[in-house]
C-alpha atoms as a PDB file:
ATOM      1  CA  UNK A   1     -45.228  68.255 -74.641  1.00  0.00           C
ATOM      2  CA  UNK A   2     -41.863  66.895 -73.480  1.00  0.00           C
ATOM      3  CA  UNK A   3     -39.119  69.292 -72.421  1.00  0.00           C
ATOM      4  CA  UNK A   4     -37.369  70.765 -75.488  1.00  0.00           C
ATOM      5  CA  UNK A   5     -33.569  70.584 -75.663  1.00  0.00           C
ATOM      6  CA  UNK A   6     -31.722  73.799 -74.838  1.00  0.00           C
ATOM      7  CA  UNK A   7     -31.314  74.754 -78.507  1.00  0.00           C
ATOM      8  CA  UNK A   8     -35.098  74.661 -78.980  1.00  0.00           C
ATOM      9  CA  UNK A   9     -35.452  77.374 -76.330  1.00  0.00           C
ATOM     10  CA  UNK A  10     -33.239  79.822 -78.248  1.00  0.00           C
ATOM     11  CA  UNK A  11     -35.835  81.142 -80.735  1.00  0.00           C
ATOM     12  CA  UNK A  12     -38.633  81.507 -78.119  1.00  0.00           C
ATOM     13  CA  UNK A  13     -36.153  83.354 -75.901  1.00  0.00           C
ATOM     14  CA  UNK A  14     -35.116  85.767 -78.619  1.00  0.00           C
ATOM     15  CA  UNK A  15     -38.762  86.435 -79.479  1.00  0.00           C
ATOM     16  CA  UNK A  16     -39.536  86.963 -75.776  1.00  0.00           C
ATOM     17  CA  UNK A  17     -36.980  89.794 -75.483  1.00  0.00           C
ATOM     18  CA  UNK A  18     -37.766  91.316 -78.897  1.00  0.00           C
ATOM     19  CA  UNK A  19     -39.593  94.171 -77.098  1.00  0.00           C
ATOM     20  CA  UNK A  20     -36.166  95.656 -76.337  1.00  0.00           C
ATOM     21  CA  UNK A  21     -36.845  95.828 -72.596  1.00  0.00           C
ATOM     22  CA  UNK A  22     -34.720  94.498 -69.726  1.00  0.00           C
ATOM     23  CA  UNK A  23     -35.678  90.998 -68.568  1.00  0.00           C
ATOM     24  CA  UNK A  24     -34.763  88.756 -65.636  1.00  0.00           C
ATOM     25  CA  UNK A  25     -34.079  85.070 -66.089  1.00  0.00           C
ATOM     26  CA  UNK A  26     -36.810  84.092 -63.602  1.00  0.00           C
ATOM     27  CA  UNK A  27     -39.432  86.020 -65.607  1.00  0.00           C
ATOM     28  CA  UNK A  28     -38.215  84.554 -68.890  1.00  0.00           C
ATOM     29  CA  UNK A  29     -38.386  81.022 -67.519  1.00  0.00           C
ATOM     30  CA  UNK A  30     -42.009  81.435 -66.424  1.00  0.00           C
ATOM     31  CA  UNK A  31     -43.154  83.165 -69.611  1.00  0.00           C
ATOM     32  CA  UNK A  32     -41.506  80.713 -71.990  1.00  0.00           C
ATOM     33  CA  UNK A  33     -42.792  77.695 -70.048  1.00  0.00           C
ATOM     34  CA  UNK A  34     -46.315  79.114 -70.384  1.00  0.00           C
ATOM     35  CA  UNK A  35     -45.944  79.926 -74.083  1.00  0.00           C
ATOM     36  CA  UNK A  36     -44.655  76.423 -74.873  1.00  0.00           C
ATOM     37  CA  UNK A  37     -47.392  74.838 -72.721  1.00  0.00           C
ATOM     38  CA  UNK A  38     -44.961  72.668 -70.792  1.00  0.00           C
ATOM     39  CA  UNK A  39     -46.763  70.018 -68.769  1.00  0.00           C
ATOM     40  CA  UNK A  40     -46.639  70.268 -64.987  1.00  0.00           C
ATOM     41  CA  UNK A  41     -44.916  66.896 -64.660  1.00  0.00           C
ATOM     42  CA  UNK A  42     -42.264  67.935 -67.215  1.00  0.00           C
ATOM     43  CA  UNK A  43     -41.652  71.179 -65.338  1.00  0.00           C
ATOM     44  CA  UNK A  44     -41.031  69.154 -62.177  1.00  0.00           C
ATOM     45  CA  UNK A  45     -38.347  66.962 -63.795  1.00  0.00           C
ATOM     46  CA  UNK A  46     -34.951  67.323 -62.121  1.00  0.00           C
ATOM     47  CA  UNK A  47     -31.409  66.754 -63.306  1.00  0.00           C
ATOM     48  CA  UNK A  48     -29.980  63.390 -62.158  1.00  0.00           C
ATOM     49  CA  UNK A  49     -28.381  65.137 -59.172  1.00  0.00           C
ATOM     50  CA  UNK A  50     -31.763  66.465 -58.073  1.00  0.00           C
ATOM     51  CA  UNK A  51     -30.318  69.965 -57.677  1.00  0.00           C
ATOM     52  CA  UNK A  52     -32.053  71.845 -60.490  1.00  0.00           C
ATOM     53  CA  UNK A  53     -35.116  71.676 -62.715  1.00  0.00           C
ATOM     54  CA  UNK A  54     -34.260  70.408 -66.203  1.00  0.00           C
ATOM     55  CA  UNK A  55     -36.196  73.063 -68.122  1.00  0.00           C
ATOM     56  CA  UNK A  56     -34.727  75.901 -66.025  1.00  0.00           C
ATOM     57  CA  UNK A  57     -31.223  74.557 -66.661  1.00  0.00           C
ATOM     58  CA  UNK A  58     -31.854  74.351 -70.404  1.00  0.00           C
ATOM     59  CA  UNK A  59     -33.297  77.861 -70.621  1.00  0.00           C
ATOM     60  CA  UNK A  60     -30.304  79.134 -68.651  1.00  0.00           C
ATOM     61  CA  UNK A  61     -27.892  77.624 -71.164  1.00  0.00           C
ATOM     62  CA  UNK A  62     -29.929  78.960 -74.087  1.00  0.00           C
ATOM     63  CA  UNK A  63     -29.494  82.449 -72.600  1.00  0.00           C
ATOM     64  CA  UNK A  64     -25.751  81.876 -72.177  1.00  0.00           C
ATOM     65  CA  UNK A  65     -25.284  80.714 -75.775  1.00  0.00           C
ATOM     66  CA  UNK A  66     -27.317  83.621 -77.180  1.00  0.00           C
ATOM     67  CA  UNK A  67     -25.153  86.009 -75.157  1.00  0.00           C
ATOM     68  CA  UNK A  68     -21.964  84.401 -76.420  1.00  0.00           C
ATOM     69  CA  UNK A  69     -23.198  84.831 -79.988  1.00  0.00           C
ATOM     70  CA  UNK A  70     -23.888  88.537 -79.352  1.00  0.00           C
ATOM     71  CA  UNK A  71     -27.656  88.170 -79.801  1.00  0.00           C
ATOM     72  CA  UNK A  72     -28.343  89.160 -76.184  1.00  0.00           C
ATOM     73  CA  UNK A  73     -26.614  91.719 -74.001  1.00  0.00           C
ATOM     74  CA  UNK A  74     -26.533  92.379 -70.252  1.00  0.00           C
ATOM     75  CA  UNK A  75     -26.856  96.155 -69.776  1.00  0.00           C
ATOM     76  CA  UNK A  76     -26.778  95.749 -65.982  1.00  0.00           C
ATOM     77  CA  UNK A  77     -26.591  93.080 -63.329  1.00  0.00           C
ATOM     78  CA  UNK A  78     -29.059  90.168 -63.385  1.00  0.00           C
ATOM     79  CA  UNK A  79     -30.897  91.328 -66.530  1.00  0.00           C
ATOM     80  CA  UNK A  80     -30.548  90.836 -70.271  1.00  0.00           C
ATOM     81  CA  UNK A  81     -32.060  92.332 -73.415  1.00  0.00           C
ATOM     82  CA  UNK A  82     -31.965  91.738 -77.149  1.00  0.00           C
ATOM     83  CA  UNK A  83     -29.004  93.127 -79.090  1.00  0.00           C
ATOM     84  CA  UNK A  84     -29.140  94.704 -82.524  1.00  0.00           C
ATOM     85  CA  UNK A  85     -27.698  91.485 -83.934  1.00  0.00           C
ATOM     86  CA  UNK A  86     -30.574  89.575 -82.354  1.00  0.00           C
ATOM     87  CA  UNK A  87     -33.138  91.890 -83.981  1.00  0.00           C
ATOM     88  CA  UNK A  88     -31.435  91.370 -87.330  1.00  0.00           C
ATOM     89  CA  UNK A  89     -31.625  87.594 -86.965  1.00  0.00           C
ATOM     90  CA  UNK A  90     -35.324  87.725 -86.045  1.00  0.00           C
ATOM     91  CA  UNK A  91     -35.966  89.881 -89.111  1.00  0.00           C
ATOM     92  CA  UNK A  92     -34.941  86.894 -91.276  1.00  0.00           C
ATOM     93  CA  UNK A  93     -37.881  84.980 -89.756  1.00  0.00           C
ATOM     94  CA  UNK A  94     -35.835  81.852 -88.852  1.00  0.00           C
ATOM     95  CA  UNK A  95     -37.695  78.584 -88.382  1.00  0.00           C
ATOM     96  CA  UNK A  96     -35.326  77.696 -85.539  1.00  0.00           C
ATOM     97  CA  UNK A  97     -32.120  78.798 -83.863  1.00  0.00           C
ATOM     98  CA  UNK A  98     -29.523  76.150 -83.041  1.00  0.00           C
ATOM     99  CA  UNK A  99     -25.803  75.989 -82.362  1.00  0.00           C
ATOM    100  CA  UNK A 100     -25.338  75.668 -86.113  1.00  0.00           C
ATOM    101  CA  UNK A 101     -27.135  79.005 -86.538  1.00  0.00           C
ATOM    102  CA  UNK A 102     -24.860  80.617 -83.974  1.00  0.00           C
ATOM    103  CA  UNK A 103     -21.736  79.390 -85.776  1.00  0.00           C
ATOM    104  CA  UNK A 104     -22.083  82.334 -88.193  1.00  0.00           C
ATOM    105  CA  UNK A 105     -20.832  84.574 -85.372  1.00  0.00           C
ATOM    106  CA  UNK A 106     -17.105  84.637 -84.601  1.00  0.00           C
ATOM    107  CA  UNK A 107     -17.668  85.318 -80.905  1.00  0.00           C
ATOM    108  CA  UNK A 108     -19.684  82.133 -80.520  1.00  0.00           C
ATOM    109  CA  UNK A 109     -17.083  80.030 -82.349  1.00  0.00           C
ATOM    110  CA  UNK A 110     -14.350  81.445 -80.107  1.00  0.00           C
ATOM    111  CA  UNK A 111     -16.420  80.547 -77.065  1.00  0.00           C
ATOM    112  CA  UNK A 112     -17.039  77.000 -78.289  1.00  0.00           C
ATOM    113  CA  UNK A 113     -13.387  76.508 -79.124  1.00  0.00           C
ATOM    114  CA  UNK A 114     -12.418  77.656 -75.662  1.00  0.00           C
ATOM    115  CA  UNK A 115     -14.637  75.156 -73.850  1.00  0.00           C
ATOM    116  CA  UNK A 116     -13.687  72.424 -76.316  1.00  0.00           C
ATOM    117  CA  UNK A 117     -17.018  70.709 -76.785  1.00  0.00           C
ATOM    118  CA  UNK A 118     -17.268  70.760 -80.576  1.00  0.00           C
ATOM    119  CA  UNK A 119     -17.404  66.970 -80.618  1.00  0.00           C
ATOM    120  CA  UNK A 120     -20.477  67.031 -78.400  1.00  0.00           C
ATOM    121  CA  UNK A 121     -22.186  69.524 -80.703  1.00  0.00           C
ATOM    122  CA  UNK A 122     -21.509  67.322 -83.728  1.00  0.00           C
ATOM    123  CA  UNK A 123     -23.117  64.379 -81.998  1.00  0.00           C
ATOM    124  CA  UNK A 124     -26.132  66.509 -81.045  1.00  0.00           C
ATOM    125  CA  UNK A 125     -26.577  67.972 -84.527  1.00  0.00           C
ATOM    126  CA  UNK A 126     -26.298  64.593 -86.195  1.00  0.00           C
ATOM    127  CA  UNK A 127     -29.220  63.364 -84.114  1.00  0.00           C
ATOM    128  CA  UNK A 128     -27.173  60.559 -82.579  1.00  0.00           C
ATOM    129  CA  UNK A 129     -27.996  61.849 -79.098  1.00  0.00           C
ATOM    130  CA  UNK A 130     -30.387  64.212 -77.383  1.00  0.00           C
ATOM    131  CA  UNK A 131     -28.953  67.752 -77.195  1.00  0.00           C
ATOM    132  CA  UNK A 132     -28.015  68.252 -73.560  1.00  0.00           C
ATOM    133  CA  UNK A 133     -26.647  71.098 -71.515  1.00  0.00           C
ATOM    134  CA  UNK A 134     -23.135  70.602 -70.083  1.00  0.00           C
ATOM    135  CA  UNK A 135     -24.595  69.791 -66.640  1.00  0.00           C
ATOM    136  CA  UNK A 136     -26.899  67.170 -68.124  1.00  0.00           C
ATOM    137  CA  UNK A 137     -24.108  65.604 -70.172  1.00  0.00           C
ATOM    138  CA  UNK A 138     -21.893  65.435 -67.090  1.00  0.00           C
ATOM    139  CA  UNK A 139     -24.586  64.032 -64.815  1.00  0.00           C
ATOM    140  CA  UNK A 140     -25.875  61.469 -67.297  1.00  0.00           C
ATOM    141  CA  UNK A 141     -22.277  60.466 -67.934  1.00  0.00           C
ATOM    142  CA  UNK A 142     -21.875  59.987 -64.190  1.00  0.00           C
ATOM    143  CA  UNK A 143     -25.041  57.873 -64.122  1.00  0.00           C
ATOM    144  CA  UNK A 144     -23.698  55.695 -66.942  1.00  0.00           C
ATOM    145  CA  UNK A 145     -20.368  55.249 -65.156  1.00  0.00           C
ATOM    146  CA  UNK A 146     -22.185  54.314 -61.951  1.00  0.00           C
ATOM    147  CA  UNK A 147     -24.337  51.769 -63.778  1.00  0.00           C
ATOM    148  CA  UNK A 148     -21.276  50.211 -65.395  1.00  0.00           C
ATOM    149  CA  UNK A 149     -19.482  50.087 -62.038  1.00  0.00           C
ATOM    150  CA  UNK A 150     -22.525  48.444 -60.431  1.00  0.00           C
ATOM    151  CA  UNK A 151     -22.487  45.684 -63.017  1.00  0.00           C
ATOM    152  CA  UNK A 152     -18.766  45.131 -62.444  1.00  0.00           C
ATOM    153  CA  UNK A 153     -19.278  44.932 -58.670  1.00  0.00           C
ATOM    154  CA  UNK A 154     -22.007  42.297 -58.973  1.00  0.00           C
ATOM    155  CA  UNK A 155     -19.852  40.319 -61.385  1.00  0.00           C
ATOM    156  CA  UNK A 156     -16.953  40.382 -58.911  1.00  0.00           C
ATOM    157  CA  UNK A 157     -19.198  39.352 -56.023  1.00  0.00           C
ATOM    158  CA  UNK A 158     -20.508  36.408 -58.036  1.00  0.00           C
ATOM    159  CA  UNK A 159     -16.949  35.123 -58.540  1.00  0.00           C
ATOM    160  CA  UNK A 160     -16.045  35.271 -54.833  1.00  0.00           C
ATOM    161  CA  UNK A 161     -16.622  32.507 -52.253  1.00  0.00           C
ATOM    162  CA  UNK A 162     -19.764  32.563 -50.030  1.00  0.00           C
ATOM    163  CA  UNK A 163     -17.807  33.603 -46.943  1.00  0.00           C
ATOM    164  CA  UNK A 164     -16.600  36.700 -48.798  1.00  0.00           C
ATOM    165  CA  UNK A 165     -20.204  37.723 -49.445  1.00  0.00           C
ATOM    166  CA  UNK A 166     -21.057  37.256 -45.765  1.00  0.00           C
ATOM    167  CA  UNK A 167     -18.192  39.520 -44.766  1.00  0.00           C
ATOM    168  CA  UNK A 168     -19.198  42.017 -47.445  1.00  0.00           C
ATOM    169  CA  UNK A 169     -22.687  42.200 -45.937  1.00  0.00           C
ATOM    170  CA  UNK A 170     -21.156  42.855 -42.514  1.00  0.00           C
ATOM    171  CA  UNK A 171     -18.892  45.588 -43.824  1.00  0.00           C
ATOM    172  CA  UNK A 172     -21.722  47.274 -45.703  1.00  0.00           C
ATOM    173  CA  UNK A 173     -24.167  47.282 -42.780  1.00  0.00           C
ATOM    174  CA  UNK A 174     -21.511  48.697 -40.457  1.00  0.00           C
ATOM    175  CA  UNK A 175     -20.661  51.435 -42.968  1.00  0.00           C
ATOM    176  CA  UNK A 176     -24.374  52.239 -43.189  1.00  0.00           C
ATOM    177  CA  UNK A 177     -24.434  52.791 -39.428  1.00  0.00           C
ATOM    178  CA  UNK A 178     -25.641  49.446 -38.109  1.00  0.00           C
ATOM    179  CA  UNK A 179     -24.037  47.038 -35.670  1.00  0.00           C
ATOM    180  CA  UNK A 180     -21.693  49.299 -33.753  1.00  0.00           C
ATOM    181  CA  UNK A 181     -18.048  48.416 -34.396  1.00  0.00           C
ATOM    182  CA  UNK A 182     -16.675  46.073 -37.051  1.00  0.00           C
ATOM    183  CA  UNK A 183     -15.498  43.739 -34.265  1.00  0.00           C
ATOM    184  CA  UNK A 184     -19.002  43.423 -32.820  1.00  0.00           C
ATOM    185  CA  UNK A 185     -20.592  42.960 -36.219  1.00  0.00           C
ATOM    186  CA  UNK A 186     -18.116  40.241 -37.202  1.00  0.00           C
ATOM    187  CA  UNK A 187     -19.698  37.926 -34.658  1.00  0.00           C
ATOM    188  CA  UNK A 188     -23.166  37.953 -36.097  1.00  0.00           C
ATOM    189  CA  UNK A 189     -23.620  36.830 -39.709  1.00  0.00           C
ATOM    190  CA  UNK A 190     -23.721  33.104 -40.350  1.00  0.00           C
ATOM    191  CA  UNK A 191     -23.944  32.234 -36.655  1.00  0.00           C
ATOM    192  CA  UNK A 192     -27.638  31.799 -35.921  1.00  0.00           C
ATOM    193  CA  UNK A 193     -28.304  28.586 -37.856  1.00  0.00           C
ATOM    194  CA  UNK A 194     -32.062  29.273 -37.861  1.00  0.00           C
ATOM    195  CA  UNK A 195     -34.021  28.512 -41.020  1.00  0.00           C
ATOM    196  CA  UNK A 196     -34.501  31.656 -43.046  1.00  0.00           C
ATOM    197  CA  UNK A 197     -32.016  33.696 -41.010  1.00  0.00           C
ATOM    198  CA  UNK A 198     -28.313  34.069 -41.749  1.00  0.00           C
ATOM    199  CA  UNK A 199     -27.563  36.359 -38.851  1.00  0.00           C
ATOM    200  CA  UNK A 200     -28.523  39.390 -36.841  1.00  0.00           C
ATOM    201  CA  UNK A 201     -27.159  42.853 -36.332  1.00  0.00           C
ATOM    202  CA  UNK A 202     -27.909  45.645 -33.893  1.00  0.00           C
ATOM    203  CA  UNK A 203     -29.929  48.540 -35.267  1.00  0.00           C
ATOM    204  CA  UNK A 204     -27.610  51.110 -33.686  1.00  0.00           C
ATOM    205  CA  UNK A 205     -24.449  51.396 -31.627  1.00  0.00           C
ATOM    206  CA  UNK A 206     -26.427  51.162 -28.380  1.00  0.00           C
ATOM    207  CA  UNK A 207     -28.103  47.932 -29.439  1.00  0.00           C
ATOM    208  CA  UNK A 208     -31.635  49.217 -28.774  1.00  0.00           C
ATOM    209  CA  UNK A 209     -33.133  46.828 -31.308  1.00  0.00           C
ATOM    210  CA  UNK A 210     -32.124  43.764 -33.303  1.00  0.00           C
ATOM    211  CA  UNK A 211     -32.420  43.370 -37.065  1.00  0.00           C
ATOM    212  CA  UNK A 212     -32.296  39.883 -38.565  1.00  0.00           C
ATOM    213  CA  UNK A 213     -30.469  39.411 -41.849  1.00  0.00           C
ATOM    214  CA  UNK A 214     -30.896  37.056 -44.778  1.00  0.00           C
ATOM    215  CA  UNK A 215     -28.121  37.284 -47.395  1.00  0.00           C
ATOM    216  CA  UNK A 216     -28.376  35.301 -50.627  1.00  0.00           C
ATOM    217  CA  UNK A 217     -25.759  35.389 -53.369  1.00  0.00           C
ATOM    218  CA  UNK A 218     -28.152  34.083 -56.006  1.00  0.00           C
ATOM    219  CA  UNK A 219     -28.567  34.315 -59.751  1.00  0.00           C
ATOM    220  CA  UNK A 220     -32.208  33.256 -59.646  1.00  0.00           C
ATOM    221  CA  UNK A 221     -34.942  35.758 -58.811  1.00  0.00           C
ATOM    222  CA  UNK A 222     -36.104  35.715 -55.177  1.00  0.00           C
ATOM    223  CA  UNK A 223     -39.795  34.831 -54.994  1.00  0.00           C
ATOM    224  CA  UNK A 224     -42.567  35.186 -52.445  1.00  0.00           C
ATOM    225  CA  UNK A 225     -41.922  31.774 -50.756  1.00  0.00           C
ATOM    226  CA  UNK A 226     -38.412  32.899 -49.765  1.00  0.00           C
ATOM    227  CA  UNK A 227     -39.769  36.072 -48.172  1.00  0.00           C
ATOM    228  CA  UNK A 228     -42.507  34.092 -46.448  1.00  0.00           C
ATOM    229  CA  UNK A 229     -39.937  31.775 -44.876  1.00  0.00           C
ATOM    230  CA  UNK A 230     -37.912  34.778 -43.736  1.00  0.00           C
ATOM    231  CA  UNK A 231     -41.023  36.409 -42.271  1.00  0.00           C
ATOM    232  CA  UNK A 232     -41.873  33.152 -40.483  1.00  0.00           C
ATOM    233  CA  UNK A 233     -38.396  33.037 -38.985  1.00  0.00           C
ATOM    234  CA  UNK A 234     -38.814  36.603 -37.756  1.00  0.00           C
ATOM    235  CA  UNK A 235     -42.147  35.705 -36.188  1.00  0.00           C
ATOM    236  CA  UNK A 236     -40.554  32.772 -34.366  1.00  0.00           C
ATOM    237  CA  UNK A 237     -38.002  35.190 -32.914  1.00  0.00           C
ATOM    238  CA  UNK A 238     -40.742  37.690 -32.043  1.00  0.00           C
ATOM    239  CA  UNK A 239     -38.832  40.126 -34.233  1.00  0.00           C
ATOM    240  CA  UNK A 240     -40.362  42.897 -36.317  1.00  0.00           C
ATOM    241  CA  UNK A 241     -37.402  44.025 -38.426  1.00  0.00           C
ATOM    242  CA  UNK A 242     -35.428  42.237 -41.102  1.00  0.00           C
ATOM    243  CA  UNK A 243     -33.202  42.854 -44.108  1.00  0.00           C
ATOM    244  CA  UNK A 244     -33.190  40.470 -47.071  1.00  0.00           C
ATOM    245  CA  UNK A 245     -30.164  41.061 -49.310  1.00  0.00           C
ATOM    246  CA  UNK A 246     -29.638  39.326 -52.630  1.00  0.00           C
ATOM    247  CA  UNK A 247     -27.323  39.766 -55.584  1.00  0.00           C
ATOM    248  CA  UNK A 248     -30.226  39.043 -57.953  1.00  0.00           C
ATOM    249  CA  UNK A 249     -33.717  40.605 -57.812  1.00  0.00           C
ATOM    250  CA  UNK A 250     -37.176  40.132 -56.300  1.00  0.00           C
ATOM    251  CA  UNK A 251     -40.421  39.197 -57.998  1.00  0.00           C
ATOM    252  CA  UNK A 252     -43.375  41.579 -57.780  1.00  0.00           C
ATOM    253  CA  UNK A 253     -45.161  39.028 -55.588  1.00  0.00           C
ATOM    254  CA  UNK A 254     -42.218  39.010 -53.179  1.00  0.00           C
ATOM    255  CA  UNK A 255     -42.216  42.811 -52.967  1.00  0.00           C
ATOM    256  CA  UNK A 256     -45.989  42.967 -52.467  1.00  0.00           C
ATOM    257  CA  UNK A 257     -45.835  40.369 -49.703  1.00  0.00           C
ATOM    258  CA  UNK A 258     -43.052  42.217 -47.876  1.00  0.00           C
ATOM    259  CA  UNK A 259     -45.058  45.444 -48.002  1.00  0.00           C
ATOM    260  CA  UNK A 260     -48.262  43.816 -46.800  1.00  0.00           C
ATOM    261  CA  UNK A 261     -47.119  42.124 -43.584  1.00  0.00           C
ATOM    262  CA  UNK A 262     -46.762  43.563 -40.094  1.00  0.00           C
ATOM    263  CA  UNK A 263     -43.032  42.902 -39.835  1.00  0.00           C
ATOM    264  CA  UNK A 264     -40.823  45.509 -41.493  1.00  0.00           C
ATOM    265  CA  UNK A 265     -38.711  43.713 -44.091  1.00  0.00           C
ATOM    266  CA  UNK A 266     -36.350  45.755 -46.253  1.00  0.00           C
ATOM    267  CA  UNK A 267     -35.519  44.163 -49.593  1.00  0.00           C
ATOM    268  CA  UNK A 268     -32.119  44.989 -51.104  1.00  0.00           C
ATOM    269  CA  UNK A 269     -31.610  43.582 -54.599  1.00  0.00           C
ATOM    270  CA  UNK A 270     -28.375  43.444 -56.566  1.00  0.00           C
ATOM    271  CA  UNK A 271     -28.800  46.914 -58.047  1.00  0.00           C
ATOM    272  CA  UNK A 272     -29.442  48.469 -54.616  1.00  0.00           C
ATOM    273  CA  UNK A 273     -26.593  46.456 -53.090  1.00  0.00           C
ATOM    274  CA  UNK A 274     -24.100  47.771 -55.635  1.00  0.00           C
ATOM    275  CA  UNK A 275     -25.382  51.327 -55.225  1.00  0.00           C
ATOM    276  CA  UNK A 276     -25.027  51.144 -51.430  1.00  0.00           C
ATOM    277  CA  UNK A 277     -21.486  49.834 -51.870  1.00  0.00           C
ATOM    278  CA  UNK A 278     -20.605  52.738 -54.160  1.00  0.00           C
ATOM    279  CA  UNK A 279     -22.202  55.321 -51.890  1.00  0.00           C
ATOM    280  CA  UNK A 280     -20.397  53.914 -48.860  1.00  0.00           C
ATOM    281  CA  UNK A 281     -17.043  53.402 -50.630  1.00  0.00           C
ATOM    282  CA  UNK A 282     -17.003  49.647 -50.122  1.00  0.00           C
ATOM    283  CA  UNK A 283     -15.010  47.715 -52.719  1.00  0.00           C
ATOM    284  CA  UNK A 284     -14.457  50.818 -54.854  1.00  0.00           C
ATOM    285  CA  UNK A 285     -11.759  53.485 -55.157  1.00  0.00           C
ATOM    286  CA  UNK A 286     -12.040  57.116 -56.245  1.00  0.00           C
ATOM    287  CA  UNK A 287      -9.984  57.750 -59.374  1.00  0.00           C
ATOM    288  CA  UNK A 288     -10.946  61.356 -60.141  1.00  0.00           C
ATOM    289  CA  UNK A 289     -12.806  64.129 -58.350  1.00  0.00           C
ATOM    290  CA  UNK A 290     -14.355  67.099 -60.158  1.00  0.00           C
ATOM    291  CA  UNK A 291     -15.736  70.188 -58.430  1.00  0.00           C
ATOM    292  CA  UNK A 292     -18.575  71.920 -60.276  1.00  0.00           C
ATOM    293  CA  UNK A 293     -18.793  75.568 -59.276  1.00  0.00           C
ATOM    294  CA  UNK A 294     -21.150  78.422 -60.101  1.00  0.00           C
ATOM    295  CA  UNK A 295     -21.312  82.160 -59.497  1.00  0.00           C
ATOM    296  CA  UNK A 296     -22.195  83.155 -55.923  1.00  0.00           C
ATOM    297  CA  UNK A 297     -25.027  85.588 -56.709  1.00  0.00           C
ATOM    298  CA  UNK A 298     -25.236  86.738 -53.073  1.00  0.00           C
ATOM    299  CA  UNK A 299     -21.612  87.866 -53.243  1.00  0.00           C
ATOM    300  CA  UNK A 300     -22.325  90.046 -56.255  1.00  0.00           C
ATOM    301  CA  UNK A 301     -25.667  91.231 -54.902  1.00  0.00           C
ATOM    302  CA  UNK A 302     -27.612  89.685 -57.757  1.00  0.00           C
ATOM    303  CA  UNK A 303     -30.722  87.579 -58.011  1.00  0.00           C
ATOM    304  CA  UNK A 304     -31.594  85.074 -60.714  1.00  0.00           C
END
């Protein structure tokens, strides 16, 4: 089965602690994953940031919400148990427990009002979006913003003259650690004049190896023949490393050919190009910075 949203973990969690004993989050996560028969591949799914497992994050937020509603209590550090209110709710034999269920408790409503995410809950309950934890909503929002910015970058690049794109390639490769200084790199692209090669750049600041570059500001998809010509040009130079950068994309045949030859050719399509620009702060500005913090469990002598 696919990973349930965090609200779907609430009822299994409450049933899990219905024995009245103290429980640790790590034990609850394992037991509930087993009871719901989560697939191995689903249990390996990470948040977009790659910092936490999705199902662990969702179970964690289900615990938090049940605590805020007074259905769970924490009698001591790093453990939780069912509260009398939780036993009373289970006695009604609910088919599910969701945020709407928790709205019958004043403590939960006060909590939700404080963090000001009622609008998100409404969207989740209406079925217009998948119910996400706050981390997921933030990270997927970041992914959407990044995708939108990537599209804007490629649109801007397409409207600029060819020489601008050549300089952009130089700037990007230098920011990624190639070519030594900007002054040295400025002498390379567009100078070779060889068929299939737009320029060359040093692999590192010491110039231990040379990488040949092909940069195409195209709208059409780059096919295998273009990669073959580039590979032939590398062979003529007795070179084994090349970078082919395009603002469009590559066909499957082009990718397969690049992977199957002796020379190492890195293909950077428009999507990768924009992402590298964003990651290296080229052509973009930072408008806002948010720090996401969590409890330092070591400081409090706790374990999850």
